[in-house]
Amino acid sequence: MKLTLKACRQAVLTAMINGALALALMLLVEFSLSGSLALTRPFLIAGILVALVIFVAQFFRQLRLCRCDQNQNGAPTK
């Protein structure tokens, strides 16, 4: 359970940062093309989707890394 919470915390942090960066990049491109800075629904949906995909990928990656680190330290796994 502790490994799962640690992996989840790290995955959420990574997903939020990458989702915010993706949203900022979309807004920057929108501003450069149209000259107005409007946060529209498709931008929000795309940012949330990016964050969700990154969260799922990072969660499984972090979970595997935590388990591998625990196995190398000689601690028993459950």
N, C-alpha and C. Protein backbone atom coordinates (compact mmCIF):
# COMPACT_ATOMS: atom_id res chain seq x y z
N MET A 1 0.82 -1.20 0.00
CA MET A 1 0.00 0.00 0.00
C MET A 1 0.86 1.26 0.00
N LYS A 2 1.96 1.21 0.74
CA LYS A 2 2.84 2.37 0.82
C LYS A 2 3.47 2.67 -0.54
N LEU A 3 3.85 1.60 -1.26
CA LEU A 3 4.43 1.78 -2.59
C LEU A 3 3.42 2.39 -3.55
N THR A 4 2.18 1.95 -3.45
CA THR A 4 1.14 2.46 -4.34
C THR A 4 0.90 3.94 -4.09
N LEU A 5 0.87 4.35 -2.83
CA LEU A 5 0.66 5.77 -2.52
C LEU A 5 1.84 6.62 -2.98
N LYS A 6 3.04 6.10 -2.82
CA LYS A 6 4.23 6.84 -3.26
C LYS A 6 4.22 6.99 -4.78
N ALA A 7 3.89 5.90 -5.49
CA ALA A 7 3.83 5.96 -6.95
C ALA A 7 2.72 6.89 -7.41
N CYS A 8 1.58 6.85 -6.72
CA CYS A 8 0.45 7.71 -7.08
C CYS A 8 0.80 9.19 -6.88
N ARG A 9 1.46 9.50 -5.77
CA ARG A 9 1.84 10.89 -5.49
C ARG A 9 2.79 11.42 -6.56
N GLN A 10 3.78 10.63 -6.92
CA GLN A 10 4.74 11.07 -7.93
C GLN A 10 4.09 11.17 -9.31
N ALA A 11 3.18 10.26 -9.61
CA ALA A 11 2.48 10.30 -10.90
C ALA A 11 1.57 11.51 -10.99
N VAL A 12 0.87 11.84 -9.91
CA VAL A 12 -0.01 13.01 -9.91
C VAL A 12 0.80 14.28 -10.11
N LEU A 13 1.92 14.38 -9.42
CA LEU A 13 2.77 15.57 -9.55
C LEU A 13 3.26 15.73 -10.99
N THR A 14 3.74 14.66 -11.57
CA THR A 14 4.22 14.70 -12.95
C THR A 14 3.10 15.04 -13.92
N ALA A 15 1.93 14.44 -13.72
CA ALA A 15 0.80 14.69 -14.61
C ALA A 15 0.32 16.14 -14.53
N MET A 16 0.27 16.69 -13.33
CA MET A 16 -0.19 18.07 -13.18
C MET A 16 0.79 19.05 -13.84
N ILE A 17 2.06 18.82 -13.65
CA ILE A 17 3.05 19.70 -14.26
C ILE A 17 2.98 19.62 -15.78
N ASN A 18 2.93 18.41 -16.33
CA ASN A 18 2.89 18.26 -17.78
C ASN A 18 1.57 18.75 -18.36
N GLY A 19 0.46 18.54 -17.67
CA GLY A 19 -0.83 19.05 -18.13
C GLY A 19 -0.84 20.58 -18.17
N ALA A 20 -0.29 21.20 -17.13
CA ALA A 20 -0.22 22.66 -17.09
C ALA A 20 0.70 23.20 -18.19
N LEU A 21 1.81 22.52 -18.43
CA LEU A 21 2.71 22.96 -19.50
C LEU A 21 2.06 22.81 -20.87
N ALA A 22 1.31 21.72 -21.07
CA ALA A 22 0.61 21.54 -22.35
C ALA A 22 -0.44 22.62 -22.55
N LEU A 23 -1.18 22.94 -21.50
CA LEU A 23 -2.19 24.00 -21.58
C LEU A 23 -1.55 25.35 -21.86
N ALA A 24 -0.44 25.63 -21.20
CA ALA A 24 0.26 26.90 -21.45
C ALA A 24 0.77 26.99 -22.87
N LEU A 25 1.27 25.88 -23.41
CA LEU A 25 1.75 25.87 -24.78
C LEU A 25 0.60 26.09 -25.76
N MET A 26 -0.54 25.47 -25.50
CA MET A 26 -1.71 25.68 -26.38
C MET A 26 -2.17 27.14 -26.34
N LEU A 27 -2.17 27.74 -25.16
CA LEU A 27 -2.57 29.14 -25.05
C LEU A 27 -1.56 30.06 -25.74
N LEU A 28 -0.29 29.74 -25.65
CA LEU A 28 0.73 30.54 -26.31
C LEU A 28 0.57 30.49 -27.82
N VAL A 29 0.30 29.30 -28.35
CA VAL A 29 0.09 29.16 -29.80
C VAL A 29 -1.18 29.89 -30.21
N GLU A 30 -2.24 29.78 -29.41
CA GLU A 30 -3.50 30.48 -29.71
C GLU A 30 -3.28 31.99 -29.73
N PHE A 31 -2.52 32.49 -28.77
CA PHE A 31 -2.24 33.93 -28.72
C PHE A 31 -1.40 34.37 -29.91
N SER A 32 -0.43 33.55 -30.30
CA SER A 32 0.42 33.94 -31.43
C SER A 32 -0.33 33.89 -32.75
N LEU A 33 -1.31 33.00 -32.88
CA LEU A 33 -2.06 32.91 -34.13
C LEU A 33 -3.19 33.92 -34.23
N SER A 34 -3.97 34.07 -33.17
CA SER A 34 -5.15 34.93 -33.25
C SER A 34 -4.97 36.28 -32.60
N GLY A 35 -4.02 36.41 -31.71
CA GLY A 35 -3.82 37.69 -31.05
C GLY A 35 -4.68 37.87 -29.81
N SER A 36 -5.50 36.91 -29.50
CA SER A 36 -6.32 37.00 -28.28
C SER A 36 -6.02 35.80 -27.39
N LEU A 37 -6.13 36.03 -26.12
CA LEU A 37 -5.84 34.98 -25.16
C LEU A 37 -7.16 34.50 -24.56
N ALA A 38 -7.74 33.49 -25.19
CA ALA A 38 -9.03 32.97 -24.75
C ALA A 38 -8.88 31.51 -24.35
N LEU A 39 -9.26 31.21 -23.11
CA LEU A 39 -9.22 29.84 -22.62
C LEU A 39 -10.56 29.19 -22.96
N THR A 40 -10.56 28.36 -23.99
CA THR A 40 -11.81 27.74 -24.44
C THR A 40 -11.91 26.31 -23.93
N ARG A 41 -13.10 25.76 -24.07
CA ARG A 41 -13.37 24.41 -23.59
C ARG A 41 -12.47 23.34 -24.22
N PRO A 42 -12.22 23.39 -25.54
CA PRO A 42 -11.31 22.37 -26.11
C PRO A 42 -9.91 22.41 -25.52
N PHE A 43 -9.42 23.59 -25.17
CA PHE A 43 -8.10 23.68 -24.55
C PHE A 43 -8.11 23.00 -23.18
N LEU A 44 -9.15 23.23 -22.40
CA LEU A 44 -9.25 22.61 -21.09
C LEU A 44 -9.36 21.09 -21.20
N ILE A 45 -10.18 20.64 -22.13
CA ILE A 45 -10.35 19.20 -22.32
C ILE A 45 -9.03 18.56 -22.77
N ALA A 46 -8.32 19.22 -23.67
CA ALA A 46 -7.03 18.69 -24.14
C ALA A 46 -6.01 18.66 -23.00
N GLY A 47 -5.98 19.69 -22.19
CA GLY A 47 -5.05 19.72 -21.05
C GLY A 47 -5.35 18.62 -20.05
N ILE A 48 -6.64 18.41 -19.77
CA ILE A 48 -7.03 17.34 -18.84
C ILE A 48 -6.71 15.97 -19.43
N LEU A 49 -6.93 15.81 -20.72
CA LEU A 49 -6.63 14.54 -21.38
C LEU A 49 -5.13 14.25 -21.35
N VAL A 50 -4.33 15.25 -21.60
CA VAL A 50 -2.87 15.08 -21.53
C VAL A 50 -2.47 14.66 -20.12
N ALA A 51 -3.02 15.35 -19.12
CA ALA A 51 -2.70 15.02 -17.73
C ALA A 51 -3.14 13.61 -17.38
N LEU A 52 -4.29 13.17 -17.86
CA LEU A 52 -4.79 11.84 -17.57
C LEU A 52 -3.92 10.75 -18.19
N VAL A 53 -3.54 10.94 -19.43
CA VAL A 53 -2.68 9.96 -20.11
C VAL A 53 -1.32 9.88 -19.43
N ILE A 54 -0.77 11.01 -19.08
CA ILE A 54 0.54 11.02 -18.42
C ILE A 54 0.44 10.41 -17.03
N PHE A 55 -0.68 10.66 -16.32
CA PHE A 55 -0.84 10.07 -15.00
C PHE A 55 -0.85 8.55 -15.07
N VAL A 56 -1.61 8.00 -15.99
CA VAL A 56 -1.69 6.53 -16.10
C VAL A 56 -0.33 5.94 -16.43
N ALA A 57 0.36 6.53 -17.39
CA ALA A 57 1.68 6.01 -17.77
C ALA A 57 2.68 6.14 -16.63
N GLN A 58 2.70 7.29 -15.98
CA GLN A 58 3.65 7.51 -14.90
C GLN A 58 3.34 6.69 -13.67
N PHE A 59 2.06 6.43 -13.42
CA PHE A 59 1.70 5.62 -12.25
C PHE A 59 2.29 4.22 -12.37
N PHE A 60 2.10 3.58 -13.53
CA PHE A 60 2.64 2.24 -13.69
C PHE A 60 4.16 2.25 -13.73
N ARG A 61 4.74 3.29 -14.32
CA ARG A 61 6.19 3.39 -14.35
C ARG A 61 6.76 3.57 -12.94
N GLN A 62 6.18 4.49 -12.17
CA GLN A 62 6.66 4.73 -10.81
C GLN A 62 6.45 3.52 -9.91
N LEU A 63 5.33 2.83 -10.10
CA LEU A 63 5.07 1.64 -9.30
C LEU A 63 6.13 0.57 -9.58
N ARG A 64 6.47 0.38 -10.84
CA ARG A 64 7.50 -0.59 -11.19
C ARG A 64 8.86 -0.16 -10.64
N LEU A 65 9.19 1.13 -10.73
CA LEU A 65 10.47 1.62 -10.22
C LEU A 65 10.56 1.47 -8.70
N CYS A 66 9.47 1.74 -8.00
CA CYS A 66 9.47 1.59 -6.55
C CYS A 66 9.67 0.14 -6.15
N ARG A 67 9.01 -0.77 -6.87
CA ARG A 67 9.15 -2.19 -6.57
C ARG A 67 10.56 -2.68 -6.87
N CYS A 68 11.14 -2.19 -7.97
CA CYS A 68 12.51 -2.60 -8.32
C CYS A 68 13.50 -2.08 -7.28
N ASP A 69 13.30 -0.85 -6.82
CA ASP A 69 14.17 -0.25 -5.81
C ASP A 69 14.05 -1.02 -4.51
N GLN A 70 12.85 -1.43 -4.15
CA GLN A 70 12.65 -2.17 -2.91
C GLN A 70 13.31 -3.55 -3.02
N ASN A 71 13.22 -4.19 -4.17
CA ASN A 71 13.83 -5.50 -4.36
C ASN A 71 15.35 -5.41 -4.31
N GLN A 72 15.94 -4.35 -4.81
CA GLN A 72 17.40 -4.21 -4.80
C GLN A 72 17.92 -3.94 -3.39
N ASN A 73 17.09 -3.31 -2.56
CA ASN A 73 17.52 -3.03 -1.19
C ASN A 73 17.37 -4.23 -0.27
N GLY A 74 16.81 -5.31 -0.79
CA GLY A 74 16.69 -6.53 0.01
C GLY A 74 15.44 -6.61 0.86
N ALA A 75 14.56 -5.67 0.70
CA ALA A 75 13.33 -5.69 1.49
C ALA A 75 12.34 -6.67 0.83
N PRO A 76 11.55 -7.36 1.63
CA PRO A 76 10.56 -8.27 1.05
C PRO A 76 9.42 -7.51 0.41
N THR A 77 8.88 -8.09 -0.66
CA THR A 77 7.75 -7.47 -1.36
C THR A 77 6.47 -8.17 -0.98
N LYS A 78 5.40 -7.45 -1.05
CA LYS A 78 4.07 -8.02 -0.79
C LYS A 78 3.17 -7.78 -1.96
